[in-house]
All heavy atoms as atom14 arrays in JSON, in Angstrom:
{
  "sequence": "ASMLFHWRRLVEEGTMSSLGTEESVVPESEVKRLQAQVKE",
  "atom14_mask": [
    [1, 1, 1, 1, 1, 0, 0, 0, 0, 0, 0, 0, 0, 0],
    [1, 1, 1, 1, 1, 1, 0, 0, 0, 0, 0, 0, 0, 0],
    [1, 1, 1, 1, 1, 1, 1, 1, 0, 0, 0, 0, 0, 0],
    [1, 1, 1, 1, 1, 1, 1, 1, 0, 0, 0, 0, 0, 0],
    [1, 1, 1, 1, 1, 1, 1, 1, 1, 1, 1, 0, 0, 0],
    [1, 1, 1, 1, 1, 1, 1, 1, 1, 1, 0, 0, 0, 0],
    [1, 1, 1, 1, 1, 1, 1, 1, 1, 1, 1, 1, 1, 1],
    [1, 1, 1, 1, 1, 1, 1, 1, 1, 1, 1, 0, 0, 0],
    [1, 1, 1, 1, 1, 1, 1, 1, 1, 1, 1, 0, 0, 0],
    [1, 1, 1, 1, 1, 1, 1, 1, 0, 0, 0, 0, 0, 0],
    [1, 1, 1, 1, 1, 1, 1, 0, 0, 0, 0, 0, 0, 0],
    [1, 1, 1, 1, 1, 1, 1, 1, 1, 0, 0, 0, 0, 0],
    [1, 1, 1, 1, 1, 1, 1, 1, 1, 0, 0, 0, 0, 0],
    [1, 1, 1, 1, 0, 0, 0, 0, 0, 0, 0, 0, 0, 0],
    [1, 1, 1, 1, 1, 1, 1, 0, 0, 0, 0, 0, 0, 0],
    [1, 1, 1, 1, 1, 1, 1, 1, 0, 0, 0, 0, 0, 0],
    [1, 1, 1, 1, 1, 1, 0, 0, 0, 0, 0, 0, 0, 0],
    [1, 1, 1, 1, 1, 1, 0, 0, 0, 0, 0, 0, 0, 0],
    [1, 1, 1, 1, 1, 1, 1, 1, 0, 0, 0, 0, 0, 0],
    [1, 1, 1, 1, 0, 0, 0, 0, 0, 0, 0, 0, 0, 0],
    [1, 1, 1, 1, 1, 1, 1, 0, 0, 0, 0, 0, 0, 0],
    [1, 1, 1, 1, 1, 1, 1, 1, 1, 0, 0, 0, 0, 0],
    [1, 1, 1, 1, 1, 1, 1, 1, 1, 0, 0, 0, 0, 0],
    [1, 1, 1, 1, 1, 1, 0, 0, 0, 0, 0, 0, 0, 0],
    [1, 1, 1, 1, 1, 1, 1, 0, 0, 0, 0, 0, 0, 0],
    [1, 1, 1, 1, 1, 1, 1, 0, 0, 0, 0, 0, 0, 0],
    [1, 1, 1, 1, 1, 1, 1, 0, 0, 0, 0, 0, 0, 0],
    [1, 1, 1, 1, 1, 1, 1, 1, 1, 0, 0, 0, 0, 0],
    [1, 1, 1, 1, 1, 1, 0, 0, 0, 0, 0, 0, 0, 0],
    [1, 1, 1, 1, 1, 1, 1, 1, 1, 0, 0, 0, 0, 0],
    [1, 1, 1, 1, 1, 1, 1, 0, 0, 0, 0, 0, 0, 0],
    [1, 1, 1, 1, 1, 1, 1, 1, 1, 0, 0, 0, 0, 0],
    [1, 1, 1, 1, 1, 1, 1, 1, 1, 1, 1, 0, 0, 0],
    [1, 1, 1, 1, 1, 1, 1, 1, 0, 0, 0, 0, 0, 0],
    [1, 1, 1, 1, 1, 1, 1, 1, 1, 0, 0, 0, 0, 0],
    [1, 1, 1, 1, 1, 0, 0, 0, 0, 0, 0, 0, 0, 0],
    [1, 1, 1, 1, 1, 1, 1, 1, 1, 0, 0, 0, 0, 0],
    [1, 1, 1, 1, 1, 1, 1, 0, 0, 0, 0, 0, 0, 0],
    [1, 1, 1, 1, 1, 1, 1, 1, 1, 0, 0, 0, 0, 0],
    [1, 1, 1, 1, 1, 1, 1, 1, 1, 0, 0, 0, 0, 0]
  ],
  "atom14_positions": [
    [[0.84, -1.2, 0.0], [0.0, 0.0, 0.0], [0.87, 1.25, 0.0], [0.54, 2.25, -0.63], [-0.92, -0.01, 1.22], [0.0, 0.0, 0.0], [0.0, 0.0, 0.0], [0.0, 0.0, 0.0], [0.0, 0.0, 0.0], [0.0, 0.0, 0.0], [0.0, 0.0, 0.0], [0.0, 0.0, 0.0], [0.0, 0.0, 0.0], [0.0, 0.0, 0.0]],
    [[2.02, 1.16, 0.67], [2.92, 2.34, 0.7], [3.44, 2.67, -0.7], [3.68, 3.84, -1.02], [4.08, 2.1, 1.66], [4.9, 1.05, 1.22], [0.0, 0.0, 0.0], [0.0, 0.0, 0.0], [0.0, 0.0, 0.0], [0.0, 0.0, 0.0], [0.0, 0.0, 0.0], [0.0, 0.0, 0.0], [0.0, 0.0, 0.0], [0.0, 0.0, 0.0]],
    [[3.59, 1.65, -1.56], [4.03, 1.91, -2.93], [2.96, 2.69, -3.69], [3.26, 3.65, -4.4], [4.33, 0.59, -3.65], [4.79, 0.77, -5.09], [6.32, 1.74, -5.27], [7.48, 0.69, -4.48], [0.0, 0.0, 0.0], [0.0, 0.0, 0.0], [0.0, 0.0, 0.0], [0.0, 0.0, 0.0], [0.0, 0.0, 0.0], [0.0, 0.0, 0.0]],
    [[1.71, 2.32, -3.51], [0.62, 3.05, -4.16], [0.53, 4.48, -3.63], [0.31, 5.42, -4.4], [-0.71, 2.33, -3.97], [-0.89, 1.05, -4.79], [-2.17, 0.34, -4.42], [-0.86, 1.34, -6.28], [0.0, 0.0, 0.0], [0.0, 0.0, 0.0], [0.0, 0.0, 0.0], [0.0, 0.0, 0.0], [0.0, 0.0, 0.0], [0.0, 0.0, 0.0]],
    [[0.71, 4.65, -2.33], [0.7, 6.0, -1.76], [1.87, 6.82, -2.32], [1.73, 8.01, -2.6], [0.75, 5.97, -0.24], [-0.57, 5.65, 0.4], [-0.74, 4.48, 1.12], [-1.65, 6.51, 0.28], [-1.95, 4.18, 1.71], [-2.87, 6.22, 0.87], [-3.02, 5.05, 1.58], [0.0, 0.0, 0.0], [0.0, 0.0, 0.0], [0.0, 0.0, 0.0]],
    [[3.01, 6.17, -2.49], [4.18, 6.85, -3.08], [3.86, 7.29, -4.51], [4.13, 8.45, -4.88], [5.39, 5.92, -3.05], [6.61, 6.46, -3.71], [7.36, 7.48, -3.17], [7.21, 6.14, -4.88], [8.37, 7.76, -3.99], [8.29, 6.95, -5.03], [0.0, 0.0, 0.0], [0.0, 0.0, 0.0], [0.0, 0.0, 0.0], [0.0, 0.0, 0.0]],
    [[3.3, 6.39, -5.3], [2.95, 6.75, -6.68], [1.92, 7.87, -6.71], [1.98, 8.77, -7.54], [2.42, 5.54, -7.44], [3.46, 4.47, -7.69], [4.81, 4.61, -7.63], [3.21, 3.11, -8.02], [5.42, 3.41, -7.91], [4.46, 2.47, -8.16], [2.06, 2.36, -8.22], [4.59, 1.13, -8.49], [2.18, 1.03, -8.54], [3.43, 0.42, -8.68]],
    [[0.97, 7.83, -5.77], [-0.05, 8.87, -5.71], [0.6, 10.23, -5.4], [0.25, 11.25, -5.99], [-1.08, 8.55, -4.63], [-2.19, 9.59, -4.55], [-3.12, 9.33, -3.4], [-4.06, 8.26, -3.73], [-4.98, 7.81, -2.9], [-5.07, 8.3, -1.68], [-5.8, 6.86, -3.28], [0.0, 0.0, 0.0], [0.0, 0.0, 0.0], [0.0, 0.0, 0.0]],
    [[1.56, 10.25, -4.48], [2.26, 11.49, -4.15], [3.02, 12.02, -5.37], [3.04, 13.23, -5.63], [3.23, 11.28, -2.98], [3.78, 12.59, -2.44], [4.78, 12.42, -1.33], [6.07, 12.13, -1.94], [6.79, 11.04, -1.73], [6.38, 10.12, -0.91], [7.94, 10.85, -2.33], [0.0, 0.0, 0.0], [0.0, 0.0, 0.0], [0.0, 0.0, 0.0]],
    [[3.61, 11.12, -6.15], [4.32, 11.54, -7.36], [3.37, 12.19, -8.36], [3.73, 13.17, -9.01], [5.03, 10.35, -8.0], [6.18, 9.74, -7.2], [6.72, 8.51, -7.91], [7.27, 10.75, -6.95], [0.0, 0.0, 0.0], [0.0, 0.0, 0.0], [0.0, 0.0, 0.0], [0.0, 0.0, 0.0], [0.0, 0.0, 0.0], [0.0, 0.0, 0.0]],
    [[2.17, 11.65, -8.46], [1.16, 12.24, -9.34], [0.83, 13.65, -8.86], [0.76, 14.59, -9.65], [-0.1, 11.36, -9.41], [-1.24, 12.11, -10.09], [0.18, 10.07, -10.14], [0.0, 0.0, 0.0], [0.0, 0.0, 0.0], [0.0, 0.0, 0.0], [0.0, 0.0, 0.0], [0.0, 0.0, 0.0], [0.0, 0.0, 0.0], [0.0, 0.0, 0.0]],
    [[0.63, 13.79, -7.57], [0.28, 15.1, -7.01], [1.4, 16.12, -7.19], [1.15, 17.3, -7.37], [-0.07, 14.95, -5.52], [-1.37, 14.21, -5.3], [-1.58, 13.8, -3.85], [-0.7, 14.06, -3.01], [-2.63, 13.19, -3.57], [0.0, 0.0, 0.0], [0.0, 0.0, 0.0], [0.0, 0.0, 0.0], [0.0, 0.0, 0.0], [0.0, 0.0, 0.0]],
    [[2.66, 15.65, -7.15], [3.81, 16.54, -7.34], [4.05, 16.85, -8.81], [4.87, 17.7, -9.14], [5.07, 15.92, -6.74], [5.07, 15.84, -5.25], [6.28, 15.1, -4.71], [7.07, 14.53, -5.51], [6.44, 15.07, -3.48], [0.0, 0.0, 0.0], [0.0, 0.0, 0.0], [0.0, 0.0, 0.0], [0.0, 0.0, 0.0], [0.0, 0.0, 0.0]],
    [[3.39, 16.12, -9.68], [3.57, 16.36, -11.11], [4.76, 15.64, -11.69], [5.2, 15.97, -12.79], [0.0, 0.0, 0.0], [0.0, 0.0, 0.0], [0.0, 0.0, 0.0], [0.0, 0.0, 0.0], [0.0, 0.0, 0.0], [0.0, 0.0, 0.0], [0.0, 0.0, 0.0], [0.0, 0.0, 0.0], [0.0, 0.0, 0.0], [0.0, 0.0, 0.0]],
    [[5.3, 14.66, -10.99], [6.46, 13.95, -11.5], [6.1, 12.57, -12.03], [6.98, 11.76, -12.3], [7.53, 13.79, -10.41], [6.94, 13.14, -9.28], [8.1, 15.12, -10.0], [0.0, 0.0, 0.0], [0.0, 0.0, 0.0], [0.0, 0.0, 0.0], [0.0, 0.0, 0.0], [0.0, 0.0, 0.0], [0.0, 0.0, 0.0], [0.0, 0.0, 0.0]],
    [[4.83, 12.32, -12.21], [4.38, 11.01, -12.7], [4.77, 10.77, -14.14], [4.82, 9.66, -14.6], [2.86, 10.9, -12.54], [2.3, 9.56, -12.87], [2.8, 8.34, -11.67], [1.68, 7.05, -12.06], [0.0, 0.0, 0.0], [0.0, 0.0, 0.0], [0.0, 0.0, 0.0], [0.0, 0.0, 0.0], [0.0, 0.0, 0.0], [0.0, 0.0, 0.0]],
    [[5.1, 11.83, -14.87], [5.42, 11.66, -16.29], [6.67, 10.82, -16.5], [6.86, 10.25, -17.56], [5.6, 13.02, -16.96], [6.65, 13.73, -16.33], [0.0, 0.0, 0.0], [0.0, 0.0, 0.0], [0.0, 0.0, 0.0], [0.0, 0.0, 0.0], [0.0, 0.0, 0.0], [0.0, 0.0, 0.0], [0.0, 0.0, 0.0], [0.0, 0.0, 0.0]],
    [[7.52, 10.7, -15.49], [8.74, 9.92, -15.67], [8.67, 8.61, -14.9], [9.65, 8.16, -14.33], [9.95, 10.73, -15.2], [9.83, 11.01, -13.84], [0.0, 0.0, 0.0], [0.0, 0.0, 0.0], [0.0, 0.0, 0.0], [0.0, 0.0, 0.0], [0.0, 0.0, 0.0], [0.0, 0.0, 0.0], [0.0, 0.0, 0.0], [0.0, 0.0, 0.0]],
    [[7.52, 7.99, -14.89], [7.38, 6.74, -14.17], [7.53, 5.52, -15.06], [6.88, 4.52, -14.85], [6.03, 6.68, -13.46], [5.94, 7.45, -12.16], [4.56, 7.31, -11.57], [6.96, 6.95, -11.18], [0.0, 0.0, 0.0], [0.0, 0.0, 0.0], [0.0, 0.0, 0.0], [0.0, 0.0, 0.0], [0.0, 0.0, 0.0], [0.0, 0.0, 0.0]],
    [[8.38, 5.61, -16.06], [8.65, 4.44, -16.88], [9.37, 3.39, -16.05], [9.88, 3.66, -14.97], [0.0, 0.0, 0.0], [0.0, 0.0, 0.0], [0.0, 0.0, 0.0], [0.0, 0.0, 0.0], [0.0, 0.0, 0.0], [0.0, 0.0, 0.0], [0.0, 0.0, 0.0], [0.0, 0.0, 0.0], [0.0, 0.0, 0.0], [0.0, 0.0, 0.0]],
    [[9.45, 2.19, -16.56], [10.01, 1.09, -15.81], [11.44, 1.33, -15.36], [11.79, 1.12, -14.22], [9.96, -0.19, -16.68], [8.62, -0.37, -17.1], [10.4, -1.39, -15.9], [0.0, 0.0, 0.0], [0.0, 0.0, 0.0], [0.0, 0.0, 0.0], [0.0, 0.0, 0.0], [0.0, 0.0, 0.0], [0.0, 0.0, 0.0], [0.0, 0.0, 0.0]],
    [[12.28, 1.81, -16.24], [13.7, 1.99, -15.92], [14.06, 3.43, -15.59], [15.22, 3.75, -15.43], [14.56, 1.5, -17.1], [14.37, 0.04, -17.44], [14.8, -0.88, -16.31], [15.78, -0.58, -15.62], [14.12, -1.91, -16.1], [0.0, 0.0, 0.0], [0.0, 0.0, 0.0], [0.0, 0.0, 0.0], [0.0, 0.0, 0.0], [0.0, 0.0, 0.0]],
    [[13.09, 4.31, -15.51], [13.37, 5.72, -15.27], [13.28, 6.04, -13.8], [12.43, 5.54, -13.09], [12.37, 6.58, -16.05], [12.43, 6.39, -17.54], [11.33, 7.14, -18.26], [10.57, 7.85, -17.6], [11.24, 7.0, -19.47], [0.0, 0.0, 0.0], [0.0, 0.0, 0.0], [0.0, 0.0, 0.0], [0.0, 0.0, 0.0], [0.0, 0.0, 0.0]],
    [[14.17, 6.92, -13.36], [14.09, 7.35, -11.97], [13.24, 8.62, -11.91], [13.12, 9.35, -12.89], [15.48, 7.63, -11.42], [16.1, 8.65, -12.17], [0.0, 0.0, 0.0], [0.0, 0.0, 0.0], [0.0, 0.0, 0.0], [0.0, 0.0, 0.0], [0.0, 0.0, 0.0], [0.0, 0.0, 0.0], [0.0, 0.0, 0.0], [0.0, 0.0, 0.0]],
    [[12.68, 8.87, -10.76], [11.81, 10.03, -10.58], [12.58, 11.08, -9.8], [13.13, 10.81, -8.74], [10.54, 9.62, -9.81], [9.67, 10.83, -9.55], [9.77, 8.58, -10.6], [0.0, 0.0, 0.0], [0.0, 0.0, 0.0], [0.0, 0.0, 0.0], [0.0, 0.0, 0.0], [0.0, 0.0, 0.0], [0.0, 0.0, 0.0], [0.0, 0.0, 0.0]],
    [[12.64, 12.28, -10.36], [13.34, 13.38, -9.7], [12.37, 14.55, -9.61], [11.78, 14.95, -10.61], [14.58, 13.79, -10.54], [15.3, 14.93, -9.88], [15.52, 12.61, -10.73], [0.0, 0.0, 0.0], [0.0, 0.0, 0.0], [0.0, 0.0, 0.0], [0.0, 0.0, 0.0], [0.0, 0.0, 0.0], [0.0, 0.0, 0.0], [0.0, 0.0, 0.0]],
    [[12.21, 15.11, -8.42], [11.31, 16.26, -8.28], [11.79, 17.44, -9.11], [13.0, 17.61, -9.34], [11.37, 16.59, -6.78], [11.88, 15.37, -6.13], [12.74, 14.67, -7.15], [0.0, 0.0, 0.0], [0.0, 0.0, 0.0], [0.0, 0.0, 0.0], [0.0, 0.0, 0.0], [0.0, 0.0, 0.0], [0.0, 0.0, 0.0], [0.0, 0.0, 0.0]],
    [[10.85, 18.24, -9.56], [11.17, 19.38, -10.42], [12.11, 20.36, -9.72], [12.99, 20.94, -10.34], [9.89, 20.1, -10.84], [10.12, 21.17, -11.88], [8.82, 21.78, -12.38], [7.77, 21.17, -12.21], [8.9, 22.89, -12.92], [0.0, 0.0, 0.0], [0.0, 0.0, 0.0], [0.0, 0.0, 0.0], [0.0, 0.0, 0.0], [0.0, 0.0, 0.0]],
    [[11.96, 20.53, -8.41], [12.84, 21.43, -7.67], [14.29, 20.96, -7.73], [15.21, 21.76, -7.86], [12.39, 21.54, -6.21], [12.42, 20.27, -5.59], [0.0, 0.0, 0.0], [0.0, 0.0, 0.0], [0.0, 0.0, 0.0], [0.0, 0.0, 0.0], [0.0, 0.0, 0.0], [0.0, 0.0, 0.0], [0.0, 0.0, 0.0], [0.0, 0.0, 0.0]],
    [[14.48, 19.65, -7.67], [15.83, 19.09, -7.77], [16.4, 19.32, -9.17], [17.58, 19.64, -9.32], [15.79, 17.59, -7.44], [17.13, 16.9, -7.5], [18.04, 17.23, -6.32], [17.61, 17.93, -5.39], [19.19, 16.8, -6.35], [0.0, 0.0, 0.0], [0.0, 0.0, 0.0], [0.0, 0.0, 0.0], [0.0, 0.0, 0.0], [0.0, 0.0, 0.0]],
    [[15.58, 19.18, -10.19], [16.02, 19.41, -11.56], [16.46, 20.86, -11.73], [17.53, 21.14, -12.29], [14.9, 19.07, -12.58], [15.26, 19.52, -13.97], [14.6, 17.58, -12.56], [0.0, 0.0, 0.0], [0.0, 0.0, 0.0], [0.0, 0.0, 0.0], [0.0, 0.0, 0.0], [0.0, 0.0, 0.0], [0.0, 0.0, 0.0], [0.0, 0.0, 0.0]],
    [[15.66, 21.79, -11.21], [16.01, 23.21, -11.33], [17.29, 23.52, -10.59], [18.14, 24.28, -11.07], [14.87, 24.08, -10.8], [13.68, 24.12, -11.74], [12.59, 25.01, -11.22], [11.42, 25.04, -12.2], [10.35, 25.91, -11.75], [0.0, 0.0, 0.0], [0.0, 0.0, 0.0], [0.0, 0.0, 0.0], [0.0, 0.0, 0.0], [0.0, 0.0, 0.0]],
    [[17.47, 22.94, -9.4], [18.69, 23.16, -8.63], [19.91, 22.65, -9.39], [20.94, 23.32, -9.48], [18.6, 22.48, -7.27], [19.79, 22.78, -6.35], [19.75, 21.94, -5.08], [19.94, 20.53, -5.33], [21.13, 19.96, -5.57], [22.22, 20.69, -5.65], [21.22, 18.67, -5.77], [0.0, 0.0, 0.0], [0.0, 0.0, 0.0], [0.0, 0.0, 0.0]],
    [[19.77, 21.46, -9.96], [20.89, 20.88, -10.72], [21.19, 21.67, -11.99], [22.35, 21.83, -12.37], [20.6, 19.41, -11.04], [20.6, 18.48, -9.83], [20.11, 17.1, -10.23], [21.97, 18.41, -9.19], [0.0, 0.0, 0.0], [0.0, 0.0, 0.0], [0.0, 0.0, 0.0], [0.0, 0.0, 0.0], [0.0, 0.0, 0.0], [0.0, 0.0, 0.0]],
    [[20.15, 22.19, -12.65], [20.37, 23.02, -13.84], [21.11, 24.29, -13.47], [22.01, 24.72, -14.21], [19.04, 23.35, -14.51], [18.43, 22.18, -15.24], [17.03, 22.47, -15.77], [16.32, 23.34, -15.26], [16.62, 21.73, -16.8], [0.0, 0.0, 0.0], [0.0, 0.0, 0.0], [0.0, 0.0, 0.0], [0.0, 0.0, 0.0], [0.0, 0.0, 0.0]],
    [[20.76, 24.9, -12.34], [21.47, 26.11, -11.89], [22.92, 25.78, -11.56], [23.83, 26.56, -11.87], [20.76, 26.7, -10.68], [0.0, 0.0, 0.0], [0.0, 0.0, 0.0], [0.0, 0.0, 0.0], [0.0, 0.0, 0.0], [0.0, 0.0, 0.0], [0.0, 0.0, 0.0], [0.0, 0.0, 0.0], [0.0, 0.0, 0.0], [0.0, 0.0, 0.0]],
    [[23.14, 24.63, -10.97], [24.51, 24.22, -10.64], [25.32, 24.0, -11.92], [26.48, 24.4, -11.98], [24.48, 22.94, -9.8], [25.85, 22.51, -9.32], [25.79, 21.26, -8.45], [24.75, 20.63, -8.32], [26.91, 20.91, -7.86], [0.0, 0.0, 0.0], [0.0, 0.0, 0.0], [0.0, 0.0, 0.0], [0.0, 0.0, 0.0], [0.0, 0.0, 0.0]],
    [[24.73, 23.36, -12.91], [25.43, 23.15, -14.19], [25.77, 24.49, -14.83], [26.88, 24.7, -15.32], [24.57, 22.29, -15.14], [25.11, 22.33, -16.56], [24.49, 20.86, -14.64], [0.0, 0.0, 0.0], [0.0, 0.0, 0.0], [0.0, 0.0, 0.0], [0.0, 0.0, 0.0], [0.0, 0.0, 0.0], [0.0, 0.0, 0.0], [0.0, 0.0, 0.0]],
    [[24.82, 25.42, -14.8], [25.06, 26.75, -15.38], [26.23, 27.45, -14.68], [27.1, 28.03, -15.34], [23.79, 27.59, -15.26], [23.86, 28.91, -15.98], [22.53, 29.64, -15.91], [22.59, 30.96, -16.65], [21.31, 31.66, -16.65], [0.0, 0.0, 0.0], [0.0, 0.0, 0.0], [0.0, 0.0, 0.0], [0.0, 0.0, 0.0], [0.0, 0.0, 0.0]],
    [[26.27, 27.37, -13.36], [27.36, 27.99, -12.6], [28.69, 27.31, -12.91], [29.72, 27.98, -13.09], [27.06, 27.92, -11.09], [28.17, 28.43, -10.21], [28.44, 29.92, -10.36], [27.64, 30.65, -10.96], [29.5, 30.36, -9.86], [0.0, 0.0, 0.0], [0.0, 0.0, 0.0], [0.0, 0.0, 0.0], [0.0, 0.0, 0.0], [0.0, 0.0, 0.0]]
  ]
}
C-alpha cells in the first residue's frame, strides 16, 4: 500500500510523467537546482 501512496504522491507533485520502468523520478525542484549548478 505504501508503494501506491508513493505513486499517488508523485502524481500530485507532477512527476508522474517519468514513471517508466527503468526511469528514476526526480522532483522538479531538484532538476532546477541541478540546472542552476550546471550553469554555474
